[in-house]
């Protein structure tokens, strides 16, 4: 023990400081206290950067540190997000054989809720926005909500622990499978710790119980199995990834050029029967797994309710946007009204067009190039979105570690500025803070995409 302290006292000090900061984050922080939130968050990033520099070569130590820091949150009720109340609500609805896509919490509370433990507390906790809408969480995510209820003790905390353990297990899976994928891509294995030790990932996923981590586990597993040429297993994992969160669905067209090649100066599509069969098999299997997961829920007004709920994110909600806010300001100047109903329909079309271009005209024969295209598509999607909740950046962080791009890490740091809105009465954003967030991210991303590297920094 003495020799351990003698030779590793600096790294041990950073671990202890990290643990102290995470404990304060989990048990002593109010979302409205933005200065404290910002201070703890930036401090944790400094500690994580230093730890990665000093001991990233020691995989076992980094694994133990990352796991230990996550376990600090095990008894904490999330303090930056209230979505977990809806997760527990949906899980209990499923256990009572009630379709969460057919009934809003408001309707159920008015008409009488079945035997759902702590129904009133869950209803009050989720907030009016969630309570007035149908569930938008896909079926495998619903299964996770159900599994969380099996932790002994019919309480909100017991369900929180169940949700948290699932997310921690997913992160562990990403660590080990992601390390193997990095080896196959001939990238440094230490890249995985930009994810596993990233304070943003630990706080937003383990701390705030967002299931991007479970979605990313299946996505990383799908990519690894693809490299291993296990197409069926890869496609099944890809379908499960979509069934947790819908984001991977928009990336599926990119597999066109992975299997068939793309039109560019150096090659032409390889339309061999074998490759066409592989493309159809892969995409067909992934979609079959995804759509098949809805079988239990397809009754009544399911399709109308689910599509309408998803559409709300494009046509009604606004938070932490960038390009959309600029266009909205232009719309106010011209018409005097908020034109989200129009802009919210146009911006996704730009993303769809970009996906089509990357799918047809890019050379994705190598998995590394496929992942870069995935990263670029998700980046554009977020830059054009009307709503960018902080945890959405997790997908960029995960994809980024399998490339040489570091701007997702920068974004995972800067996104904390969006939480300022929660510190203001009536939820008010400060556009100068968003300008700083997106200005820094855009500068880093443009520099990297035009060939600059930040080796000294990262």
Protein backbone atom coordinates (compact mmCIF):
# COMPACT_ATOMS: atom_id res chain seq x y z
CA UNK A 1 0.00 0.00 0.00
CA UNK A 2 2.87 2.37 0.88
CA UNK A 3 4.64 1.64 -2.41
CA UNK A 4 1.38 2.11 -4.29
CA UNK A 5 1.00 5.57 -2.80
CA UNK A 6 4.68 6.37 -3.34
CA UNK A 7 4.65 5.68 -7.07
CA UNK A 8 1.05 6.58 -7.91
CA UNK A 9 0.11 9.29 -5.41
CA UNK A 10 -0.83 11.83 -8.11
CA UNK A 11 -3.18 9.47 -9.93
CA UNK A 12 -4.64 8.27 -6.62
CA UNK A 13 -5.26 11.88 -5.66
CA UNK A 14 -7.15 12.48 -8.92
CA UNK A 15 -9.24 9.34 -8.32
CA UNK A 16 -10.13 10.49 -4.79
CA UNK A 17 -11.00 13.98 -6.00
CA UNK A 18 -13.14 12.48 -8.76
CA UNK A 19 -14.97 10.32 -6.25
CA UNK A 20 -15.59 13.34 -4.02
CA UNK A 21 -16.88 15.44 -6.92
CA UNK A 22 -19.14 12.64 -8.18
CA UNK A 23 -20.52 12.14 -4.67
CA UNK A 24 -21.30 15.87 -4.45
CA UNK A 25 -22.86 15.70 -7.92
CA UNK A 26 -25.04 12.74 -7.00
CA UNK A 27 -26.19 13.69 -3.50
CA UNK A 28 -25.64 17.41 -2.92
CA UNK A 29 -26.47 19.12 -6.22
CA UNK A 30 -29.66 20.87 -7.22
CA UNK A 31 -30.26 21.34 -10.94
CA UNK A 32 -30.98 25.01 -10.37
CA UNK A 33 -27.50 25.62 -8.88
CA UNK A 34 -25.73 26.22 -12.17
CA UNK A 35 -22.42 27.61 -10.79
CA UNK A 36 -21.94 24.50 -8.63
CA UNK A 37 -23.03 22.24 -11.51
CA UNK A 38 -20.54 23.89 -13.87
CA UNK A 39 -17.70 23.81 -11.35
CA UNK A 40 -18.14 20.13 -10.52
CA UNK A 41 -18.50 19.18 -14.17
CA UNK A 42 -15.41 21.04 -15.39
CA UNK A 43 -13.40 19.73 -12.44
CA UNK A 44 -14.37 16.15 -13.29
CA UNK A 45 -13.26 16.66 -16.89
CA UNK A 46 -9.88 17.93 -15.71
CA UNK A 47 -9.43 14.90 -13.46
CA UNK A 48 -10.52 12.48 -16.19
CA UNK A 49 -8.09 14.02 -18.70
CA UNK A 50 -5.24 13.71 -16.24
CA UNK A 51 -6.09 10.12 -15.32
CA UNK A 52 -6.21 9.14 -18.98
CA UNK A 53 -2.79 10.69 -19.56
CA UNK A 54 -1.21 8.96 -16.57
CA UNK A 55 -2.68 5.44 -16.46
CA UNK A 56 -4.61 4.76 -19.68
CA UNK A 57 -2.05 2.00 -20.38
CA UNK A 58 -3.34 0.13 -17.30
CA UNK A 59 -6.63 -1.30 -18.55
CA UNK A 60 -7.49 -3.04 -15.28
CA UNK A 61 -6.97 0.10 -13.20
CA UNK A 62 -9.03 2.24 -15.58
CA UNK A 63 -11.83 -0.33 -15.57
CA UNK A 64 -11.93 -0.42 -11.77
CA UNK A 65 -11.87 3.39 -11.56
CA UNK A 66 -14.63 3.81 -14.16
CA UNK A 67 -16.81 1.17 -12.50
CA UNK A 68 -16.20 2.54 -9.01
CA UNK A 69 -17.13 6.07 -10.03
CA UNK A 70 -20.37 4.80 -11.55
CA UNK A 71 -21.26 2.89 -8.39
CA UNK A 72 -21.12 6.13 -6.40
CA UNK A 73 -24.48 6.96 -8.00
CA UNK A 74 -26.10 3.64 -7.04
CA UNK A 75 -28.39 5.08 -4.32
CA UNK A 76 -28.89 8.51 -5.88
CA UNK A 77 -32.18 9.77 -7.30
CA UNK A 78 -31.34 11.55 -10.60
CA UNK A 79 -31.14 15.31 -10.10
CA UNK A 80 -30.70 16.59 -13.67
CA UNK A 81 -33.56 14.75 -15.37
CA UNK A 82 -37.02 13.53 -14.45
CA UNK A 83 -37.41 11.10 -17.34
CA UNK A 84 -36.82 8.12 -15.04
CA UNK A 85 -40.28 8.63 -13.50
CA UNK A 86 -41.79 7.90 -16.92
CA UNK A 87 -39.49 4.89 -17.35
CA UNK A 88 -40.76 3.37 -14.10
CA UNK A 89 -44.34 4.29 -15.03
CA UNK A 90 -44.07 2.54 -18.41
CA UNK A 91 -42.45 -0.49 -16.80
CA UNK A 92 -45.36 -0.87 -14.40
CA UNK A 93 -47.88 -0.41 -17.21
CA UNK A 94 -46.24 -3.26 -19.10
CA UNK A 95 -46.36 -5.48 -16.03
CA UNK A 96 -50.10 -4.77 -15.81
CA UNK A 97 -50.51 -5.58 -19.52
CA UNK A 98 -51.39 -1.97 -20.37
CA UNK A 99 -50.07 -0.68 -23.67
CA UNK A 100 -48.03 2.50 -22.96
CA UNK A 101 -48.50 3.61 -26.59
CA UNK A 102 -52.28 3.73 -26.24
CA UNK A 103 -52.80 5.65 -23.00
CA UNK A 104 -51.30 8.89 -21.74
CA UNK A 105 -50.60 9.15 -18.00
CA UNK A 106 -53.12 11.99 -17.82
CA UNK A 107 -55.86 9.78 -19.25
CA UNK A 108 -55.02 6.91 -16.94
CA UNK A 109 -55.00 9.13 -13.86
CA UNK A 110 -58.38 10.59 -14.80
CA UNK A 111 -59.98 7.21 -15.54
CA UNK A 112 -58.30 5.33 -12.73
CA UNK A 113 -54.89 3.63 -12.79
CA UNK A 114 -54.61 -0.12 -12.05
CA UNK A 115 -52.39 -1.40 -9.27
CA UNK A 116 -49.27 0.63 -10.08
CA UNK A 117 -47.03 1.18 -7.06
CA UNK A 118 -46.60 4.86 -6.18
CA UNK A 119 -48.65 5.92 -9.22
CA UNK A 120 -49.30 9.43 -7.89
CA UNK A 121 -45.63 10.02 -7.06
CA UNK A 122 -44.55 8.83 -10.50
CA UNK A 123 -47.20 10.96 -12.18
CA UNK A 124 -46.18 14.07 -10.26
CA UNK A 125 -42.50 13.43 -10.87
CA UNK A 126 -42.61 12.99 -14.65
CA UNK A 127 -44.06 16.48 -15.25
CA UNK A 128 -46.91 17.74 -17.40
CA UNK A 129 -45.09 17.41 -20.74
CA UNK A 130 -44.50 13.69 -20.31
CA UNK A 131 -47.85 13.08 -18.64
CA UNK A 132 -49.78 14.56 -21.57
CA UNK A 133 -48.12 12.42 -24.25
CA UNK A 134 -48.00 8.75 -25.21
CA UNK A 135 -44.78 6.86 -24.63
CA UNK A 136 -42.13 7.31 -27.32
CA UNK A 137 -39.72 4.66 -26.01
CA UNK A 138 -39.29 1.64 -28.35
CA UNK A 139 -40.07 -1.93 -27.20
CA UNK A 140 -36.63 -3.11 -26.07
CA UNK A 141 -36.35 0.03 -23.99
CA UNK A 142 -39.74 -0.88 -22.50
CA UNK A 143 -38.32 -4.30 -21.63
CA UNK A 144 -35.50 -2.59 -19.73
CA UNK A 145 -38.09 -0.62 -17.77
CA UNK A 146 -39.82 -3.88 -16.86
CA UNK A 147 -36.59 -5.59 -15.80
CA UNK A 148 -35.79 -2.69 -13.48
CA UNK A 149 -38.92 -3.39 -11.44
CA UNK A 150 -37.61 -6.81 -10.39
CA UNK A 151 -35.09 -5.30 -7.99
CA UNK A 152 -36.44 -6.17 -4.50
CA UNK A 153 -38.47 -3.43 -2.88
CA UNK A 154 -41.47 -1.74 -4.48
CA UNK A 155 -40.11 1.79 -4.33
CA UNK A 156 -38.90 4.45 -6.72
CA UNK A 157 -35.33 3.98 -5.44
CA UNK A 158 -35.39 0.22 -6.03
CA UNK A 159 -36.49 0.78 -9.63
CA UNK A 160 -33.84 3.47 -10.05
CA UNK A 161 -31.22 0.97 -8.89
CA UNK A 162 -32.53 -1.55 -11.40
CA UNK A 163 -32.37 0.95 -14.27
CA UNK A 164 -28.89 2.03 -13.19
CA UNK A 165 -27.50 -1.51 -13.06
CA UNK A 166 -28.70 -2.17 -16.62
CA UNK A 167 -26.97 0.98 -17.86
CA UNK A 168 -23.74 0.16 -16.00
CA UNK A 169 -23.73 -3.34 -17.50
CA UNK A 170 -24.17 -1.82 -20.96
CA UNK A 171 -21.19 0.49 -20.39
CA UNK A 172 -19.07 -2.46 -19.29
CA UNK A 173 -20.08 -4.26 -22.47
CA UNK A 174 -19.09 -1.23 -24.55
CA UNK A 175 -15.73 -1.16 -22.78
CA UNK A 176 -14.82 -4.75 -23.58
CA UNK A 177 -16.38 -5.08 -27.04
CA UNK A 178 -15.26 -1.59 -27.99
CA UNK A 179 -11.67 -2.45 -27.08
CA UNK A 180 -11.78 -5.42 -29.44
CA UNK A 181 -13.29 -3.26 -32.19
CA UNK A 182 -10.52 -0.69 -31.74
CA UNK A 183 -7.95 -3.46 -32.22
CA UNK A 184 -9.65 -4.55 -35.44
CA UNK A 185 -9.67 -0.94 -36.67
CA UNK A 186 -6.00 -0.56 -35.67
CA UNK A 187 -6.75 2.35 -33.37
CA UNK A 188 -5.32 2.87 -29.84
CA UNK A 189 -7.16 0.79 -27.24
CA UNK A 190 -6.90 3.73 -24.85
CA UNK A 191 -9.51 5.52 -27.01
CA UNK A 192 -12.17 3.53 -25.17
CA UNK A 193 -11.54 5.57 -22.03
CA UNK A 194 -12.72 8.73 -23.80
CA UNK A 195 -16.06 6.99 -23.35
CA UNK A 196 -15.73 4.89 -20.20
CA UNK A 197 -14.10 7.58 -18.06
CA UNK A 198 -15.88 10.55 -19.64
CA UNK A 199 -17.76 12.50 -16.90
CA UNK A 200 -20.49 13.31 -19.41
CA UNK A 201 -21.15 9.60 -20.02
CA UNK A 202 -21.04 8.73 -16.33
CA UNK A 203 -23.35 11.59 -15.31
CA UNK A 204 -25.87 11.52 -18.17
CA UNK A 205 -26.19 7.75 -18.47
CA UNK A 206 -25.42 6.18 -15.08
CA UNK A 207 -26.39 9.28 -13.13
CA UNK A 208 -29.44 10.52 -15.03
CA UNK A 209 -30.54 7.09 -16.31
CA UNK A 210 -30.65 7.74 -20.04
CA UNK A 211 -30.64 4.59 -22.13
CA UNK A 212 -28.37 5.79 -24.94
CA UNK A 213 -25.77 3.52 -23.32
CA UNK A 214 -27.86 0.39 -23.90
CA UNK A 215 -28.54 1.46 -27.49
CA UNK A 216 -24.83 2.08 -28.01
CA UNK A 217 -23.92 -1.32 -26.55
CA UNK A 218 -25.93 -3.06 -29.25
CA UNK A 219 -24.61 -0.67 -31.92
CA UNK A 220 -20.96 -1.27 -30.96
CA UNK A 221 -21.63 -5.03 -30.79
CA UNK A 222 -23.20 -4.85 -34.27
CA UNK A 223 -20.16 -3.04 -35.67
CA UNK A 224 -17.75 -5.50 -34.08
CA UNK A 225 -19.68 -8.50 -35.41
CA UNK A 226 -19.77 -6.83 -38.83
CA UNK A 227 -15.98 -6.62 -38.81
CA UNK A 228 -15.94 -10.30 -37.82
CA UNK A 229 -18.18 -10.99 -40.86
CA UNK A 230 -20.94 -12.41 -38.65
CA UNK A 231 -23.68 -10.68 -40.59
CA UNK A 232 -26.74 -12.30 -39.01
CA UNK A 233 -25.59 -11.69 -35.45
CA UNK A 234 -24.56 -8.15 -36.37
CA UNK A 235 -27.93 -7.39 -37.97
CA UNK A 236 -29.80 -8.75 -34.94
CA UNK A 237 -27.78 -6.50 -32.63
CA UNK A 238 -28.39 -3.57 -34.96
CA UNK A 239 -32.14 -4.19 -34.87
CA UNK A 240 -32.06 -4.35 -31.07
CA UNK A 241 -30.14 -1.07 -31.01
CA UNK A 242 -32.94 0.60 -32.98
CA UNK A 243 -35.46 -0.98 -30.62
CA UNK A 244 -33.82 0.86 -27.71
CA UNK A 245 -33.47 4.25 -29.41
CA UNK A 246 -34.47 5.13 -32.98
CA UNK A 247 -31.25 6.98 -33.92
CA UNK A 248 -29.51 3.97 -35.58
CA UNK A 249 -32.49 3.62 -37.94
CA UNK A 250 -31.39 6.69 -39.91
CA UNK A 251 -27.89 5.21 -40.28
CA UNK A 252 -29.08 1.99 -41.91
CA UNK A 253 -28.95 3.36 -45.52
CA UNK A 254 -25.18 3.82 -45.11
CA UNK A 255 -24.81 0.06 -45.40
CA UNK A 256 -25.72 0.38 -49.10
CA UNK A 257 -22.22 1.51 -49.97
CA UNK A 258 -20.65 -0.79 -47.36
CA UNK A 259 -21.94 -3.85 -49.18
CA UNK A 260 -22.15 -2.52 -52.74
CA UNK A 261 -19.59 0.26 -52.87
CA UNK A 262 -20.26 3.83 -53.95
CA UNK A 263 -19.91 6.03 -57.00
CA UNK A 264 -16.77 8.13 -56.75
CA UNK A 265 -13.62 8.83 -58.75
CA UNK A 266 -11.87 5.63 -57.76
CA UNK A 267 -14.51 2.94 -58.01
CA UNK A 268 -17.94 1.92 -59.21
CA UNK A 269 -20.57 -0.05 -57.32
CA UNK A 270 -19.99 -3.76 -57.00
CA UNK A 271 -23.42 -5.08 -57.93
CA UNK A 272 -22.54 -8.75 -57.57
CA UNK A 273 -25.38 -11.07 -56.60
CA UNK A 274 -23.52 -12.02 -53.42
CA UNK A 275 -23.18 -8.42 -52.26
CA UNK A 276 -26.80 -7.60 -53.09
CA UNK A 277 -27.93 -10.63 -51.08
CA UNK A 278 -25.76 -9.53 -48.14
CA UNK A 279 -27.24 -6.02 -48.23
CA UNK A 280 -30.82 -7.32 -48.36
CA UNK A 281 -30.10 -9.90 -45.67
CA UNK A 282 -28.48 -7.42 -43.31
CA UNK A 283 -30.95 -4.57 -43.63
CA UNK A 284 -33.90 -6.94 -43.80
CA UNK A 285 -32.86 -8.78 -40.64
CA UNK A 286 -32.23 -5.54 -38.73
CA UNK A 287 -35.63 -4.15 -39.74
CA UNK A 288 -37.33 -7.45 -38.98
CA UNK A 289 -35.92 -7.47 -35.45
CA UNK A 290 -36.92 -3.84 -34.95
CA UNK A 291 -40.46 -4.08 -36.34
CA UNK A 292 -40.97 -7.50 -34.79
CA UNK A 293 -40.32 -6.04 -31.35
CA UNK A 294 -43.56 -4.04 -31.71
CA UNK A 295 -45.78 -7.09 -32.26
CA UNK A 296 -47.02 -7.12 -28.68
CA UNK A 297 -48.07 -3.46 -28.96
CA UNK A 298 -49.67 -3.23 -32.40
CA UNK A 299 -53.31 -2.70 -31.59
CA UNK A 300 -55.81 0.13 -31.62
CA UNK A 301 -54.37 3.54 -32.44
CA UNK A 302 -50.76 2.48 -31.86
CA UNK A 303 -49.38 3.68 -35.23
CA UNK A 304 -51.13 7.06 -35.07
CA UNK A 305 -50.16 7.66 -31.45
CA UNK A 306 -46.53 6.63 -31.85
CA UNK A 307 -45.91 8.59 -35.05
CA UNK A 308 -47.60 11.67 -33.60
CA UNK A 309 -45.47 11.48 -30.46
CA UNK A 310 -42.25 11.16 -32.47
CA UNK A 311 -43.34 14.06 -34.67
CA UNK A 312 -43.60 16.33 -31.63
CA UNK A 313 -39.81 16.37 -31.34
CA UNK A 314 -39.51 18.00 -34.76
CA UNK A 315 -42.51 20.31 -34.74
CA UNK A 316 -43.12 21.37 -31.15
CA UNK A 317 -40.09 21.12 -28.88
CA UNK A 318 -37.15 23.54 -28.76
CA UNK A 319 -34.03 23.23 -26.63
CA UNK A 320 -30.29 23.78 -27.05
CA UNK A 321 -30.56 24.10 -30.82
CA UNK A 322 -28.05 25.85 -33.08
CA UNK A 323 -28.89 26.28 -36.76
CA UNK A 324 -32.61 26.01 -36.00
CA UNK A 325 -32.44 28.97 -33.59
CA UNK A 326 -30.76 31.07 -36.28
CA UNK A 327 -33.46 30.15 -38.79
CA UNK A 328 -36.17 30.76 -36.19
CA UNK A 329 -34.81 34.24 -35.59
CA UNK A 330 -34.86 34.87 -39.33
CA UNK A 331 -38.44 33.62 -39.46
CA UNK A 332 -39.48 36.00 -36.67
CA UNK A 333 -37.86 38.89 -38.55
CA UNK A 334 -39.72 38.07 -41.78
CA UNK A 335 -43.13 36.85 -40.60
CA UNK A 336 -43.29 37.84 -36.94
CA UNK A 337 -44.11 34.25 -35.93
CA UNK A 338 -42.30 31.13 -34.73
CA UNK A 339 -42.07 29.01 -37.88
CA UNK A 340 -41.09 25.76 -36.16
CA UNK A 341 -43.87 23.85 -37.94
CA UNK A 342 -42.21 24.71 -41.27
CA UNK A 343 -38.53 24.74 -40.29
CA UNK A 344 -38.99 21.55 -38.28
CA UNK A 345 -40.08 19.75 -41.45
CA UNK A 346 -37.37 21.19 -43.73
CA UNK A 347 -34.30 20.51 -41.55
CA UNK A 348 -34.84 16.72 -41.38
CA UNK A 349 -35.04 16.68 -45.19
CA UNK A 350 -31.52 18.14 -45.32
CA UNK A 351 -30.32 15.34 -43.05
CA UNK A 352 -32.08 12.76 -45.24
CA UNK A 353 -30.44 14.24 -48.32
CA UNK A 354 -27.01 14.07 -46.68
CA UNK A 355 -27.63 10.44 -45.70
CA UNK A 356 -28.52 9.66 -49.31
CA UNK A 357 -25.33 11.29 -50.58
CA UNK A 358 -23.13 9.48 -48.06
CA UNK A 359 -24.92 6.20 -48.81
CA UNK A 360 -24.49 6.37 -52.58
CA UNK A 361 -21.33 8.36 -53.20
CA UNK A 362 -19.06 7.23 -50.36
CA UNK A 363 -16.62 4.32 -50.29
CA UNK A 364 -17.59 2.37 -47.18
CA UNK A 365 -15.86 -0.89 -48.02
CA UNK A 366 -13.89 -0.55 -44.79
CA UNK A 367 -15.72 -0.45 -41.43
CA UNK A 368 -13.68 2.55 -40.32
CA UNK A 369 -15.09 4.64 -43.17
CA UNK A 370 -18.61 3.44 -42.39
CA UNK A 371 -18.23 4.61 -38.78
CA UNK A 372 -16.93 8.01 -39.92
CA UNK A 373 -20.02 8.43 -42.08
CA UNK A 374 -22.21 7.47 -39.11
CA UNK A 375 -20.44 10.10 -37.02
CA UNK A 376 -20.92 12.78 -39.67
CA UNK A 377 -24.60 11.95 -40.18
CA UNK A 378 -25.39 12.09 -36.45
CA UNK A 379 -23.39 15.32 -36.15
CA UNK A 380 -25.37 17.00 -38.92
CA UNK A 381 -28.62 15.66 -37.48
CA UNK A 382 -27.84 17.27 -34.11
CA UNK A 383 -26.69 20.56 -35.63
CA UNK A 384 -30.00 20.77 -37.50
CA UNK A 385 -32.26 19.54 -34.69
CA UNK A 386 -34.79 21.70 -32.91
CA UNK A 387 -34.08 19.85 -29.66
CA UNK A 388 -30.66 18.67 -28.49
CA UNK A 389 -30.84 17.30 -24.98
CA UNK A 390 -27.35 16.81 -23.48
CA UNK A 391 -27.55 13.01 -23.47
CA UNK A 392 -28.02 12.96 -27.24
CA UNK A 393 -24.28 13.67 -27.54
CA UNK A 394 -23.52 10.19 -26.15
CA UNK A 395 -23.91 8.68 -29.62
CA UNK A 396 -21.26 11.05 -31.00
CA UNK A 397 -18.87 10.26 -28.14
CA UNK A 398 -19.21 6.52 -28.71
CA UNK A 399 -18.80 6.71 -32.49
CA UNK A 400 -15.95 9.21 -32.16
CA UNK A 401 -13.70 6.84 -30.24
CA UNK A 402 -13.59 4.58 -33.32
CA UNK A 403 -12.28 7.45 -35.45
CA UNK A 404 -9.52 10.02 -35.09
CA UNK A 405 -12.00 12.85 -34.48
CA UNK A 406 -12.10 14.42 -31.03
CA UNK A 407 -14.77 17.10 -31.45
CA UNK A 408 -17.42 14.81 -29.85
CA UNK A 409 -15.36 14.90 -26.64
CA UNK A 410 -15.29 18.71 -26.83
CA UNK A 411 -19.06 18.75 -27.31
CA UNK A 412 -19.54 16.45 -24.32
CA UNK A 413 -17.78 19.10 -22.24
CA UNK A 414 -19.45 22.17 -23.73
CA UNK A 415 -23.01 20.77 -23.62
CA UNK A 416 -23.16 21.42 -19.88
CA UNK A 417 -23.81 25.09 -20.73
CA UNK A 418 -27.31 24.14 -21.88
CA UNK A 419 -28.24 23.31 -18.27
CA UNK A 420 -28.22 27.02 -17.44
CA UNK A 421 -31.85 27.14 -18.63
CA UNK A 422 -32.92 24.98 -15.68
CA UNK A 423 -31.49 27.48 -13.21
CA UNK A 424 -33.88 30.19 -14.37
CA UNK A 425 -37.50 30.58 -13.33
CA UNK A 426 -39.70 29.64 -16.25
CA UNK A 427 -36.87 27.74 -17.99
CA UNK A 428 -35.05 30.45 -19.95
CA UNK A 429 -32.12 29.79 -22.24
CA UNK A 430 -29.26 32.25 -22.63
CA UNK A 431 -28.33 32.43 -26.29
CA UNK A 432 -24.86 33.80 -25.61
CA UNK A 433 -24.07 30.62 -23.68
CA UNK A 434 -25.36 28.50 -26.56
CA UNK A 435 -23.24 30.61 -28.89
CA UNK A 436 -20.18 29.71 -26.82
CA UNK A 437 -21.14 26.02 -26.79
CA UNK A 438 -21.70 25.72 -30.52
CA UNK A 439 -18.96 28.17 -31.45
CA UNK A 440 -16.33 26.03 -29.73
CA UNK A 441 -17.76 22.77 -31.08
CA UNK A 442 -18.02 24.10 -34.64
CA UNK A 443 -14.47 25.46 -34.51
CA UNK A 444 -13.08 22.10 -33.36
CA UNK A 445 -15.16 20.09 -35.81
CA UNK A 446 -14.32 22.28 -38.81
CA UNK A 447 -10.61 22.23 -37.95
CA UNK A 448 -10.60 18.44 -37.64
CA UNK A 449 -12.70 17.82 -40.74
CA UNK A 450 -10.29 19.98 -42.74
CA UNK A 451 -7.28 17.97 -41.61
CA UNK A 452 -6.06 19.63 -38.39
CA UNK A 453 -5.21 17.42 -35.42
CA UNK A 454 -5.04 18.27 -31.72
CA UNK A 455 -2.47 15.68 -30.63
CA UNK A 456 -1.00 17.87 -27.89
CA UNK A 457 -4.44 18.40 -26.35
CA UNK A 458 -5.71 14.82 -26.67
